Structures are given as C-alpha cells and as structure tokens.
Amino acid sequence: MRRTMFPALLAAVSVAAAYADTATVYTNADAFIYEAQPDSTYGTAGWLNAGQQWIGGSESRTLLNFDTSNVIPDGYELVSAVLHTLPDRWVTYAGEATVVATFGVDGTWGETSVTWNSRPTVGSQIGTDTVVVTGSKPGVVSWDVTDAWAESTTLDFYLAMTNPTTATGILQPYSRERG
C-alpha cells in the first residue's frame, strides 16, 4: 500500500515504512526568525530564511513543525525520514559558502508568535546531511532526519547555519503559505 498526500505545501517529510509504503507529511507550521528584527514575527510570509547576508551579520533561521500522529500504521516500522524543501531563492555573498543543516528544537514555538527574542533553543544537529548554498538555484534540497523521528506526535526542526562566523548566504525555501 502506498499512501501519499499532495496539498500545496512545499516543505515535507517523506517517511518510508517497512513493506515499501511511503507517506508524505507536510508542515503543520513554519516561520523564520531574524536577529536584526528581534521582535518581528514572520509566520505568515510566503518564504522562509536560513543564513545571513554578511559575515558576522544578522542571522536568520527557519522553524518547521510536522504533525506525525497516525503517519505510521500499527504493525509498520519507520525505515527512513527525509526532509525536503523547495528553495525560492538561493543567494550567496562574500566569504565561504553557507552550510545549512537541520537541528532539533528544544522548546515550544507558535507560527505567528515566534520571534528572535522568544525563539526556542537550537538543539543538536540531526544527522550529518548539510546543504551548501553555492549561488545557483537548486531544485528540491533534502536532509535525512531519520534520527529525529520518535514516538512523539510532532517533529520540530530548525534550518540553521553551521558556519555563521565565516560564511554569508541565504537559503530561502517556499513557506506553506505560498501554496
């Protein structure tokens, strides 16, 4: 059996379960936060940001939430989970290429209320996959997030830079509001 949903949302986790079944889980909430505007919220913007425009400049991070309840039926087990995003823009500036990775989120956040000042703590990096912002616009970019999957009913991720002191560039995926 293959279960796939196709709403018009552009960040998704694909889940492969035993017996070659696949489910696609779309974002329940997404937002970005921006260090230079620490009290502003961007939960309804048509895009998301992860990166910075200059070395040592203001950083932006993307938060993604997925409702994972009822994704894997009883009797099935998780084989893999992959986070996919479709960048709207992929911008580089001076310095090294920006490296964006997935991180856990330690704490709660609300799509229309999270700001830089109210942000949850960045957790540990999930897996070893990274995406390097090179200046050319890629197609879909992906990270293996299998290690983050748990028995919980939600998954939260940060898309954040791994090298903010030496690089500049921004990954701008479409948000779920873009549709």
Foldseek 3Di string as FASTA:
>chain_A
DEEEDDDQFFKWKWWAKPPRYIYIWGFPFKWKAKQVCQQATGRQDQKAKAFAADAVGIGMKMKTKTFQPPVADPPIGTDWMKIKFFFPAQAFDDFAWWKKFKFFFDDDDDSGGDYNVNGTDTHGTADDDIDTRDGDHDGMDMDTRRVQDDPDRMGMIMTYTPCRNTTGIMGMTTGRNND
